[in-house]
Amino acid sequence: MFQRLFEKMKSEPIICRDCETCDLNQEASTDQQDGNCFQRLHQREKQDLLRLLKQTGASLSPVQMQIVDEFLQSEGHLSSDYLQERLSQRQLDVSLEEVEGMLDLLCRYGLAQKVHLNGRGPWYEHLHLGERHDHLLCMRCGKVVEFEHEDLEKTMTKTARQYGFEPISKKCTIYGICPECRDKQGQNLPLSMVSPGEKVKIIEFNGGGQLRKRLSDMGISIGQEIEVLNRGGPLIVSVKGSRVALGKGLAQKVMVRPVSA
């Protein structure tokens, strides 16, 4: 699912607006300014890393520096195997362990951070100084959108203090359906494709009387609204306040439609 996200991120432009650090020619195109801005930011981060390595008495091999450069040149959420694939395309033969080791080093030195979304990961993203953002995650296609919202930041701080907590770090991930997937909600889909946490309405069964009786004995009927709890093994759904397990083959024959929150 997330590989589609990574491919999409490679094709989408990186947007940098209202940057106070750029002194680029105002006649340059927006795309050129955005690209140059990120290049300068990534170059500063590389210089920070080199200073930190010197301060701590550490050093990196030329191959390790190429891994660092590849990460710094990429924005978005990256997995270690995706980064290894990018390096392979550049004719650099490195093991997955080497890539993971360098990503962990970048996290230790404050240039990257690990992100787990929907219980999966880790993915790695840049830890730009002064930047804080949250995530929107589409539970249908896996698309991730980063966003900043001042009111949300204030609300989380206020809520923490109401309970006597002094907030140190705050992260928010909102799970939902992206616009592209929402436009397709008029189409029915198999229950086996529904993500944990989603509520759906049962539309039809693709099977005969024996299948209907089996599902009816489980308390599952057409027109009913159910919630998917887990699909790691058998599909676990909440039906009338009880948990019910369905095999993947059976869940494939139950056609549903998402229910708006």
Protein backbone atom coordinates (compact mmCIF):
# COMPACT_ATOMS: atom_id res chain seq x y z
CA MET A 1 0.00 0.00 0.00
CA PHE A 2 2.68 2.48 1.00
CA GLN A 3 4.82 1.81 -2.06
CA ARG A 4 2.16 3.67 -4.08
CA LEU A 5 2.59 6.54 -1.65
CA PHE A 6 6.35 6.60 -2.18
CA GLU A 7 5.98 6.60 -5.95
CA LYS A 8 3.49 9.45 -5.69
CA MET A 9 5.84 11.48 -3.53
CA LYS A 10 8.58 11.15 -6.12
CA SER A 11 6.35 12.72 -8.74
CA GLU A 12 4.80 15.50 -6.65
CA PRO A 13 6.55 18.89 -6.48
CA ILE A 14 7.97 20.06 -3.17
CA ILE A 15 6.35 23.32 -2.17
CA CYS A 16 8.29 25.91 -0.17
CA ARG A 17 6.35 29.10 0.47
CA ASP A 18 7.18 32.30 2.35
CA CYS A 19 10.76 31.17 2.95
CA GLU A 20 12.75 33.91 4.71
CA THR A 21 16.10 32.27 4.04
CA CYS A 22 16.14 32.58 0.23
CA ASP A 23 17.82 35.49 -1.58
CA LEU A 24 17.08 34.11 -5.02
CA ASN A 25 16.41 36.19 -8.11
CA GLN A 26 12.75 37.20 -7.99
CA GLU A 27 12.47 36.56 -11.71
CA ALA A 28 13.26 32.88 -11.26
CA SER A 29 10.34 30.50 -11.63
CA THR A 30 8.53 29.21 -8.54
CA ASP A 31 9.72 25.66 -9.23
CA GLN A 32 13.32 26.84 -9.44
CA GLN A 33 12.99 28.80 -6.20
CA ASP A 34 11.41 25.87 -4.39
CA GLY A 35 14.09 23.48 -5.58
CA ASN A 36 16.97 25.84 -4.76
CA CYS A 37 15.49 26.57 -1.34
CA PHE A 38 15.43 22.91 -0.40
CA GLN A 39 18.89 22.37 -1.83
CA ARG A 40 20.22 25.12 0.43
CA LEU A 41 18.37 23.71 3.42
CA HIS A 42 19.72 20.22 2.81
CA GLN A 43 23.24 21.57 2.32
CA ARG A 44 23.05 23.35 5.69
CA GLU A 45 21.87 20.11 7.30
CA LYS A 46 24.82 18.26 5.77
CA GLN A 47 27.22 20.85 7.18
CA ASP A 48 25.53 20.46 10.58
CA LEU A 49 26.10 16.71 10.41
CA LEU A 50 29.77 17.14 9.50
CA ARG A 51 30.25 19.52 12.46
CA LEU A 52 28.51 17.07 14.81
CA LEU A 53 30.67 14.21 13.60
CA LYS A 54 33.80 16.26 14.22
CA GLN A 55 32.60 17.28 17.68
CA THR A 56 31.92 13.66 18.64
CA GLY A 57 35.08 12.28 17.05
CA ALA A 58 33.18 10.16 14.53
CA SER A 59 33.63 9.82 10.80
CA LEU A 60 31.79 8.36 7.83
CA SER A 61 33.08 6.44 4.84
CA PRO A 62 32.44 7.73 1.29
CA VAL A 63 29.72 5.11 0.85
CA GLN A 64 28.03 6.17 4.10
CA MET A 65 28.12 9.80 2.97
CA GLN A 66 26.38 8.80 -0.26
CA ILE A 67 23.59 7.27 1.81
CA VAL A 68 23.35 10.52 3.76
CA ASP A 69 23.26 12.57 0.55
CA GLU A 70 20.47 10.41 -0.89
CA PHE A 71 18.35 10.88 2.22
CA LEU A 72 18.99 14.63 2.33
CA GLN A 73 17.95 14.98 -1.32
CA SER A 74 14.60 13.28 -0.68
CA GLU A 75 11.59 14.76 1.06
CA GLY A 76 8.61 12.88 2.41
CA HIS A 77 8.37 9.63 4.36
CA LEU A 78 11.00 7.11 3.31
CA SER A 79 11.46 3.47 4.25
CA SER A 80 14.92 1.94 4.47
CA ASP A 81 14.22 -0.48 1.62
CA TYR A 82 12.94 2.35 -0.59
CA LEU A 83 16.12 4.32 0.07
CA GLN A 84 18.19 1.22 -0.71
CA GLU A 85 16.34 0.91 -4.03
CA ARG A 86 17.08 4.55 -4.86
CA LEU A 87 20.77 3.97 -4.17
CA SER A 88 20.75 0.83 -6.29
CA GLN A 89 19.37 2.86 -9.19
CA ARG A 90 22.45 5.07 -8.81
CA GLN A 91 24.69 2.00 -9.10
CA LEU A 92 25.56 2.02 -5.39
CA ASP A 93 25.53 -1.49 -3.90
CA VAL A 94 24.70 -1.20 -0.20
CA SER A 95 22.98 -3.61 2.15
CA LEU A 96 19.70 -2.88 3.88
CA GLU A 97 21.54 -3.07 7.22
CA GLU A 98 23.93 -0.31 6.10
CA VAL A 99 21.03 1.93 5.08
CA GLU A 100 19.18 1.29 8.34
CA GLY A 101 22.35 2.01 10.30
CA MET A 102 22.79 5.38 8.62
CA LEU A 103 19.14 6.31 9.09
CA ASP A 104 19.43 5.50 12.78
CA LEU A 105 22.58 7.65 12.94
CA LEU A 106 20.71 10.57 11.34
CA CYS A 107 18.00 10.15 13.98
CA ARG A 108 20.59 10.15 16.78
CA TYR A 109 22.16 13.34 15.41
CA GLY A 110 18.81 15.11 15.12
CA LEU A 111 18.55 15.27 11.33
CA ALA A 112 15.79 12.68 10.93
CA GLN A 113 13.01 11.11 12.93
CA LYS A 114 11.16 7.82 12.82
CA VAL A 115 7.44 7.83 12.09
CA HIS A 116 5.00 4.97 12.61
CA LEU A 117 1.64 5.36 10.87
CA ASN A 118 -1.32 3.03 11.20
CA GLY A 119 0.84 0.67 13.25
CA ARG A 120 3.35 0.27 10.42
CA GLY A 121 6.85 1.50 9.81
CA PRO A 122 9.23 2.84 10.66
CA TRP A 123 9.42 5.50 8.00
CA TYR A 124 11.98 8.28 8.20
CA GLU A 125 11.42 11.97 7.56
CA HIS A 126 13.56 15.08 7.81
CA LEU A 127 13.70 16.81 11.17
CA HIS A 128 14.02 20.38 9.94
CA LEU A 129 14.88 22.83 12.72
CA GLY A 130 11.90 24.88 13.85
CA GLU A 131 9.41 22.76 11.94
CA ARG A 132 6.51 20.90 13.54
CA HIS A 133 3.76 19.19 11.60
CA ASP A 134 1.07 16.58 11.93
CA HIS A 135 -0.27 13.99 9.50
CA LEU A 136 -3.42 13.07 7.63
CA LEU A 137 -3.42 9.38 6.65
CA CYS A 138 -5.78 7.87 4.08
CA MET A 139 -6.78 4.43 5.32
CA ARG A 140 -7.79 3.38 1.83
CA CYS A 141 -4.70 4.10 -0.31
CA GLY A 142 -2.10 5.04 2.32
CA LYS A 143 -1.58 8.62 1.16
CA VAL A 144 0.02 10.86 3.79
CA VAL A 145 -0.44 14.63 3.93
CA GLU A 146 1.59 16.81 6.28
CA PHE A 147 -0.17 19.84 7.76
CA GLU A 148 0.30 22.56 10.34
CA HIS A 149 -2.57 24.04 12.31
CA GLU A 150 -1.95 26.63 15.01
CA ASP A 151 -5.34 26.12 16.68
CA LEU A 152 -4.76 22.37 16.92
CA GLU A 153 -1.35 22.98 18.49
CA LYS A 154 -2.92 25.29 21.08
CA THR A 155 -5.75 22.85 21.77
CA MET A 156 -3.37 19.95 22.42
CA THR A 157 -1.30 22.11 24.78
CA LYS A 158 -4.41 23.33 26.62
CA THR A 159 -5.81 19.80 26.93
CA ALA A 160 -2.54 18.44 28.34
CA ARG A 161 -2.38 21.18 30.96
CA GLN A 162 -6.02 20.60 31.96
CA TYR A 163 -4.90 17.15 33.07
CA GLY A 164 -1.82 18.48 34.87
CA PHE A 165 0.65 17.59 32.12
CA GLU A 166 3.29 19.95 30.85
CA PRO A 167 3.55 18.99 27.16
CA ILE A 168 7.02 18.28 25.83
CA SER A 169 6.26 16.75 22.44
CA LYS A 170 3.01 16.59 20.51
CA LYS A 171 2.12 14.54 17.42
CA CYS A 172 -1.26 14.07 15.83
CA THR A 173 -2.28 11.66 13.06
CA ILE A 174 -5.80 11.97 11.68
CA TYR A 175 -7.03 8.80 9.97
CA GLY A 176 -9.59 9.16 7.22
CA ILE A 177 -10.30 8.96 3.50
CA CYS A 178 -8.51 11.20 0.99
CA PRO A 179 -10.51 13.16 -1.66
CA GLU A 180 -9.58 10.74 -4.44
CA CYS A 181 -10.75 7.71 -2.47
CA ARG A 182 -13.82 9.54 -1.20
CA ASP A 183 -14.90 10.14 -4.80
CA LYS A 184 -14.90 6.38 -5.26
CA GLN A 185 -17.04 5.66 -2.21
CA GLY A 186 -20.09 5.22 -4.39
CA GLN A 187 -18.52 1.95 -5.49
CA ASN A 188 -18.90 -1.09 -3.28
CA LEU A 189 -15.80 -2.93 -2.15
CA PRO A 190 -15.08 -6.28 -0.47
CA LEU A 191 -14.98 -6.26 3.32
CA SER A 192 -11.49 -7.77 3.06
CA MET A 193 -10.19 -4.41 1.72
CA VAL A 194 -11.49 -2.28 4.60
CA SER A 195 -8.87 -0.86 6.99
CA PRO A 196 -9.00 -1.22 10.79
CA GLY A 197 -11.06 1.54 12.37
CA GLU A 198 -13.37 2.00 9.39
CA LYS A 199 -17.13 1.69 9.70
CA VAL A 200 -18.98 0.25 6.72
CA LYS A 201 -22.47 -0.71 5.70
CA ILE A 202 -23.12 -4.18 4.28
CA ILE A 203 -24.64 -3.89 0.80
CA GLU A 204 -24.74 -7.43 -0.58
CA PHE A 205 -23.33 -10.95 -0.41
CA ASN A 206 -21.64 -12.57 -3.39
CA GLY A 207 -22.87 -16.07 -2.70
CA GLY A 208 -25.86 -18.35 -2.38
CA GLY A 209 -28.15 -19.35 0.44
CA GLN A 210 -25.51 -21.33 2.33
CA LEU A 211 -23.25 -18.27 2.51
CA ARG A 212 -26.12 -16.07 3.67
CA LYS A 213 -27.06 -18.55 6.39
CA ARG A 214 -23.48 -18.77 7.60
CA LEU A 215 -23.20 -15.00 7.86
CA SER A 216 -26.65 -14.74 9.44
CA ASP A 217 -25.58 -17.19 12.14
CA MET A 218 -22.72 -14.80 12.88
CA GLY A 219 -25.19 -11.94 13.24
CA ILE A 220 -24.19 -10.33 9.94
CA SER A 221 -26.94 -9.17 7.59
CA ILE A 222 -27.46 -6.81 4.65
CA GLY A 223 -28.02 -3.18 5.67
CA GLN A 224 -26.08 -3.61 8.89
CA GLU A 225 -23.28 -1.23 9.92
CA ILE A 226 -20.12 -2.86 11.27
CA GLU A 227 -16.63 -1.71 12.24
CA VAL A 228 -13.42 -3.45 11.23
CA LEU A 229 -11.11 -3.95 14.23
CA ASN A 230 -8.20 -5.85 12.73
CA ARG A 231 -7.22 -7.67 9.56
CA GLY A 232 -3.76 -8.98 10.45
CA GLY A 233 -4.97 -12.59 10.38
CA PRO A 234 -8.68 -13.34 10.22
CA LEU A 235 -10.77 -10.20 9.80
CA ILE A 236 -12.15 -9.12 13.18
CA VAL A 237 -15.27 -6.97 13.07
CA SER A 238 -17.56 -5.43 15.67
CA VAL A 239 -21.15 -6.59 15.16
CA LYS A 240 -23.88 -5.49 17.57
CA GLY A 241 -21.37 -5.03 20.39
CA SER A 242 -19.65 -8.38 19.82
CA ARG A 243 -16.44 -9.36 18.02
CA VAL A 244 -16.74 -11.71 15.06
CA ALA A 245 -13.93 -13.35 13.08
CA LEU A 246 -14.22 -13.88 9.31
CA GLY A 247 -11.74 -15.70 7.11
CA LYS A 248 -10.32 -13.73 4.19
CA GLY A 249 -12.23 -15.82 1.65
CA LEU A 250 -15.52 -15.15 3.40
CA ALA A 251 -14.76 -11.43 3.87
CA GLN A 252 -14.04 -11.19 0.14
CA LYS A 253 -17.67 -12.12 -0.58
CA VAL A 254 -19.18 -9.45 1.69
CA MET A 255 -19.64 -6.23 -0.27
CA VAL A 256 -19.72 -3.02 1.76
CA ARG A 257 -19.75 0.75 1.42
CA PRO A 258 -17.96 3.22 3.76
CA VAL A 259 -20.06 5.07 6.31
CA SER A 260 -19.23 8.76 6.78
CA ALA A 261 -18.28 9.73 10.34
